[in-house]
Amino acid sequence: MNYIEPHGHMVSRTTDDYERMAIAGCQAICEPAFWAGFDRASADGFYDYFRQITEYEPKRAAKFGIQHYCWLCINPKEAEDLKLAEDVIALIPEFLEKPGVLGIGEIGLNKNSRNELSIFERHLQVAQDHDQLVLIHTPHLEDKLKGTRLIVEALKNFSGIKPERVIIDHVEEHTIDHVLDHGFWAGITLYPESKCTPHRAIDMLEHRQGERIWMNSACDWGVSDPLAVPKTMQAMRQRGWTPEMIQRVAWDNPRAFMGQCEKFKM
């Protein structure tokens, strides 16, 4: 069964991973802008990074018949340097017309600091000004619920950004209802050591009947698995899910959300 990987940091993966994902049925990969594994020293580094995910990664993916899309931002892990963050945000409009750019992301909070919240709101202003979809990162561990609430409150100040055009990612059992009940989309991230295991993810999907939810591997610099989505699809089969139910989460939902951007062609 074919699927979409809606959140994968492919700059951290080898070309072999593209091949493995293609063999597993991946038809499209969407790559949010992210941390490079270290804090970058200048906006010039981000300019080259934006070129990498808008120009080079699509070519790597195309060799295996996979469409590659991306999102642009400075990740909250690097948002404490306000001058750098403002310089990076100023670069974004130049890249928004690139054919594979879907919107602004993954923005959000990491430590729930005042500077992170300020830069999050600056990104939201860019998204509102340019009518962009938004992909949001929520903090890890014990700060996730607090951060999710701060994010939802901040979004209320931007009347030009509609909830159905925002996906709040990395939800877990204690945050998924808060996100969906406010009308946003929710992303479940499948990690072997943190975030959600396949069975936790399936429990949440069953709890909300697959409502406005996608699942993704993230597959970044940490311990992660680029095949987490098809492996979870197999676990769904073992739990008695029908092919139609699996397709809704692995294909229909990400296609419906990202299809709100006319550039997304699947």
Protein backbone atom coordinates (compact mmCIF):
# COMPACT_ATOMS: atom_id res chain seq x y z
CA MET A 1 0.00 0.00 0.00
CA ASN A 2 1.32 3.46 -0.90
CA TYR A 3 1.84 6.12 1.74
CA ILE A 4 3.05 9.70 2.25
CA GLU A 5 5.85 10.57 4.69
CA PRO A 6 4.60 14.01 5.81
CA HIS A 7 7.47 14.91 8.13
CA GLY A 8 10.94 13.59 7.34
CA HIS A 9 14.29 15.36 7.73
CA MET A 10 15.97 13.79 4.74
CA VAL A 11 19.11 15.95 4.91
CA SER A 12 20.06 13.69 7.83
CA ARG A 13 19.52 10.48 5.84
CA THR A 14 21.57 8.63 3.23
CA THR A 15 20.40 8.07 -0.32
CA ASP A 16 19.85 4.41 0.63
CA ASP A 17 17.01 5.59 2.85
CA TYR A 18 15.23 7.10 -0.15
CA GLU A 19 15.53 3.75 -1.91
CA ARG A 20 14.19 1.82 1.09
CA MET A 21 11.26 4.20 1.48
CA ALA A 22 10.42 3.92 -2.22
CA ILE A 23 10.45 0.12 -2.03
CA ALA A 24 8.11 0.35 1.01
CA GLY A 25 5.61 2.38 -1.03
CA CYS A 26 6.47 6.00 -0.22
CA GLN A 27 5.19 8.33 -2.94
CA ALA A 28 5.96 11.73 -1.37
CA ILE A 29 8.17 13.13 1.38
CA CYS A 30 7.61 16.48 3.07
CA GLU A 31 10.66 17.95 4.79
CA PRO A 32 10.21 20.67 7.41
CA ALA A 33 13.15 23.00 8.01
CA PHE A 34 15.00 21.83 11.11
CA TRP A 35 18.08 22.03 13.29
CA ALA A 36 21.34 20.98 11.59
CA GLY A 37 22.61 18.97 14.58
CA PHE A 38 24.44 22.11 15.73
CA ASP A 39 23.56 25.80 16.03
CA ARG A 40 24.36 27.68 12.82
CA ALA A 41 26.42 30.86 13.12
CA SER A 42 24.85 33.09 10.50
CA ALA A 43 21.91 33.60 8.17
CA ASP A 44 24.20 32.62 5.28
CA GLY A 45 24.15 29.05 6.58
CA PHE A 46 20.36 29.06 6.48
CA TYR A 47 20.34 30.49 2.96
CA ASP A 48 22.39 27.53 1.75
CA TYR A 49 20.22 25.15 3.77
CA PHE A 50 17.05 26.54 2.18
CA ARG A 51 18.66 25.97 -1.22
CA GLN A 52 19.48 22.40 -0.20
CA ILE A 53 15.91 21.46 0.73
CA THR A 54 14.28 23.36 -2.15
CA GLU A 55 16.71 22.39 -4.92
CA TYR A 56 18.95 19.42 -4.06
CA GLU A 57 16.73 17.11 -1.98
CA PRO A 58 13.97 17.06 -4.62
CA LYS A 59 16.53 15.72 -7.10
CA ARG A 60 17.67 12.98 -4.70
CA ALA A 61 14.08 11.92 -4.10
CA ALA A 62 13.18 12.00 -7.81
CA LYS A 63 15.81 9.35 -8.58
CA PHE A 64 13.55 6.89 -6.75
CA GLY A 65 10.22 8.16 -8.04
CA ILE A 66 9.42 10.09 -4.85
CA GLN A 67 8.09 13.65 -4.87
CA HIS A 68 9.80 15.92 -2.36
CA TYR A 69 8.19 18.94 -0.70
CA CYS A 70 9.45 21.18 2.10
CA TRP A 71 8.66 23.87 4.68
CA LEU A 72 10.77 26.90 5.68
CA CYS A 73 11.66 28.46 9.04
CA ILE A 74 14.29 28.76 11.74
CA ASN A 75 13.59 25.96 14.20
CA PRO A 76 12.82 26.88 17.83
CA LYS A 77 16.06 25.17 18.93
CA GLU A 78 17.89 28.16 17.38
CA ALA A 79 15.38 30.87 18.27
CA GLU A 80 17.14 32.21 21.36
CA ASP A 81 19.41 34.38 19.18
CA LEU A 82 16.80 36.97 18.21
CA LYS A 83 19.01 38.84 15.72
CA LEU A 84 19.91 35.64 13.87
CA ALA A 85 16.28 34.51 13.87
CA GLU A 86 15.08 37.83 12.42
CA ASP A 87 17.75 37.66 9.71
CA VAL A 88 16.68 34.13 8.79
CA ILE A 89 12.99 34.99 8.73
CA ALA A 90 13.80 37.84 6.34
CA LEU A 91 15.13 35.23 3.86
CA ILE A 92 11.96 33.15 3.77
CA PRO A 93 9.78 35.18 1.36
CA GLU A 94 12.42 34.78 -1.38
CA PHE A 95 11.94 30.99 -1.26
CA LEU A 96 8.16 30.77 -0.86
CA GLU A 97 7.59 30.67 -4.63
CA LYS A 98 9.81 27.63 -5.11
CA PRO A 99 7.73 24.80 -6.60
CA GLY A 100 8.02 22.40 -3.66
CA VAL A 101 7.54 24.82 -0.73
CA LEU A 102 4.29 24.12 1.13
CA GLY A 103 4.45 26.69 3.92
CA ILE A 104 6.08 27.74 7.19
CA GLY A 105 7.46 25.06 9.51
CA GLU A 106 8.36 23.42 11.67
CA ILE A 107 7.98 26.39 13.94
CA GLY A 108 6.87 26.32 17.56
CA LEU A 109 8.46 25.90 20.97
CA ASN A 110 11.31 23.85 22.40
CA LYS A 111 11.82 25.12 25.97
CA ASN A 112 8.77 27.40 26.09
CA SER A 113 10.97 30.47 26.47
CA ARG A 114 9.93 34.07 25.85
CA ASN A 115 12.32 34.38 22.89
CA GLU A 116 10.99 31.19 21.29
CA LEU A 117 7.44 32.50 21.62
CA SER A 118 8.44 35.82 20.06
CA ILE A 119 10.02 34.12 17.04
CA PHE A 120 7.08 31.73 16.76
CA GLU A 121 4.78 34.74 16.45
CA ARG A 122 7.08 36.34 13.86
CA HIS A 123 6.80 33.20 11.74
CA LEU A 124 3.02 33.24 12.11
CA GLN A 125 3.00 36.80 10.83
CA VAL A 126 4.90 35.70 7.71
CA ALA A 127 2.46 32.82 7.24
CA GLN A 128 -0.49 35.18 7.56
CA ASP A 129 1.02 37.81 5.26
CA HIS A 130 1.75 35.23 2.54
CA ASP A 131 -1.26 32.93 3.08
CA GLN A 132 0.85 29.88 3.95
CA LEU A 133 0.10 26.56 5.62
CA VAL A 134 1.74 26.13 9.03
CA LEU A 135 3.47 23.09 10.58
CA ILE A 136 4.18 23.36 14.32
CA HIS A 137 6.67 21.59 16.60
CA THR A 138 5.66 20.98 20.21
CA PRO A 139 8.16 20.57 23.08
CA HIS A 140 9.28 17.25 24.42
CA LEU A 141 8.47 15.43 27.64
CA GLU A 142 6.97 17.30 30.58
CA ASP A 143 6.84 20.69 28.83
CA LYS A 144 4.67 19.44 25.97
CA LEU A 145 1.26 20.24 27.46
CA LYS A 146 2.33 23.73 28.60
CA GLY A 147 3.92 24.42 25.22
CA THR A 148 0.88 23.15 23.33
CA ARG A 149 -1.39 25.46 25.30
CA LEU A 150 0.93 28.44 24.67
CA ILE A 151 0.94 27.63 20.94
CA VAL A 152 -2.85 27.41 20.73
CA GLU A 153 -3.24 30.71 22.60
CA ALA A 154 -0.74 32.45 20.30
CA LEU A 155 -2.55 31.19 17.20
CA LYS A 156 -5.77 32.85 18.38
CA ASN A 157 -4.10 36.25 17.80
CA PHE A 158 -3.78 35.62 14.05
CA SER A 159 -7.24 35.83 12.54
CA GLY A 160 -5.84 35.30 9.04
CA ILE A 161 -4.59 31.82 9.92
CA LYS A 162 -7.41 29.29 9.94
CA PRO A 163 -7.16 26.23 12.24
CA GLU A 164 -7.75 23.84 9.34
CA ARG A 165 -4.55 25.20 7.71
CA VAL A 166 -2.40 24.43 10.77
CA ILE A 167 -1.00 21.08 11.86
CA ILE A 168 0.42 20.75 15.38
CA ASP A 169 2.88 17.87 15.38
CA HIS A 170 4.37 15.51 17.97
CA VAL A 171 1.06 15.18 19.84
CA GLU A 172 0.77 12.56 22.56
CA GLU A 173 -2.04 11.19 24.69
CA HIS A 174 -2.19 14.28 26.94
CA THR A 175 -2.21 16.85 24.09
CA ILE A 176 -4.07 15.33 21.13
CA ASP A 177 -7.56 16.25 22.38
CA HIS A 178 -6.52 19.87 23.07
CA VAL A 179 -5.23 20.20 19.51
CA LEU A 180 -8.13 18.54 17.69
CA ASP A 181 -10.83 20.10 19.86
CA HIS A 182 -9.57 23.56 18.79
CA GLY A 183 -9.98 22.63 15.12
CA PHE A 184 -6.32 22.08 14.23
CA TRP A 185 -4.80 19.05 12.55
CA ALA A 186 -2.58 16.77 14.66
CA GLY A 187 0.60 14.90 13.79
CA ILE A 188 1.79 11.77 15.59
CA THR A 189 5.55 11.18 15.44
CA LEU A 190 6.80 7.60 15.58
CA TYR A 191 10.15 7.25 17.36
CA PRO A 192 11.69 4.00 18.62
CA GLU A 193 12.97 5.62 21.87
CA SER A 194 10.80 8.70 22.48
CA LYS A 195 7.51 10.22 21.37
CA CYS A 196 5.15 7.42 20.21
CA THR A 197 5.50 3.72 19.59
CA PRO A 198 3.28 2.22 16.87
CA HIS A 199 0.83 0.80 19.39
CA ARG A 200 0.51 4.09 21.31
CA ALA A 201 -0.09 5.83 18.00
CA ILE A 202 -2.77 3.35 16.98
CA ASP A 203 -4.48 3.76 20.37
CA MET A 204 -4.71 7.51 19.75
CA LEU A 205 -5.93 7.03 16.20
CA GLU A 206 -8.66 4.71 17.44
CA HIS A 207 -9.57 7.13 20.24
CA ARG A 208 -10.16 9.92 17.69
CA GLN A 209 -11.19 7.64 14.80
CA GLY A 210 -8.38 8.96 12.61
CA GLU A 211 -9.85 12.48 12.69
CA ARG A 212 -7.58 15.14 11.07
CA ILE A 213 -4.47 13.16 12.04
CA TRP A 214 -1.36 12.13 10.17
CA MET A 215 1.56 10.01 11.35
CA ASN A 216 5.22 10.54 10.50
CA SER A 217 8.70 9.27 11.25
CA ALA A 218 10.56 12.64 11.47
CA CYS A 219 13.72 10.51 10.78
CA ASP A 220 16.15 13.18 11.95
CA TRP A 221 19.62 13.25 13.51
CA GLY A 222 18.59 11.18 16.53
CA VAL A 223 17.65 7.54 16.88
CA SER A 224 14.82 7.30 14.37
CA ASP A 225 13.47 5.06 11.63
CA PRO A 226 12.56 6.33 8.14
CA LEU A 227 10.33 3.27 7.73
CA ALA A 228 8.31 3.92 10.89
CA VAL A 229 5.14 4.77 8.94
CA PRO A 230 4.93 1.54 6.87
CA LYS A 231 5.87 -0.48 9.97
CA THR A 232 2.97 1.13 11.85
CA MET A 233 0.70 0.39 8.88
CA GLN A 234 1.63 -3.28 9.33
CA ALA A 235 0.80 -3.03 13.05
CA MET A 236 -2.59 -1.57 12.06
CA ARG A 237 -3.27 -4.63 9.91
CA GLN A 238 -2.42 -6.86 12.86
CA ARG A 239 -4.87 -4.86 15.01
CA GLY A 240 -7.64 -5.54 12.49
CA TRP A 241 -7.69 -2.26 10.57
CA THR A 242 -9.14 -2.51 7.07
CA PRO A 243 -7.14 -1.30 4.05
CA GLU A 244 -9.55 1.64 3.75
CA MET A 245 -8.95 2.70 7.35
CA ILE A 246 -5.17 2.50 6.94
CA GLN A 247 -5.31 4.47 3.71
CA ARG A 248 -7.22 7.25 5.45
CA VAL A 249 -4.37 7.89 7.90
CA ALA A 250 -1.36 7.06 5.71
CA TRP A 251 -2.56 8.68 2.48
CA ASP A 252 -5.89 10.52 2.55
CA ASN A 253 -5.24 12.67 5.62
CA PRO A 254 -1.80 14.05 4.69
CA ARG A 255 -3.00 14.51 1.12
CA ALA A 256 -6.04 16.45 2.32
CA PHE A 257 -4.05 18.75 4.58
CA MET A 258 -1.15 19.49 2.23
CA GLY A 259 -3.50 19.60 -0.74
CA GLN A 260 -4.70 22.95 0.62
CA CYS A 261 -1.50 24.21 -1.04
CA GLU A 262 -1.95 24.10 -4.81
CA LYS A 263 1.69 23.05 -5.21
CA PHE A 264 1.02 19.67 -3.63
CA LYS A 265 0.19 17.30 -6.48
CA MET A 266 -0.66 13.75 -5.43
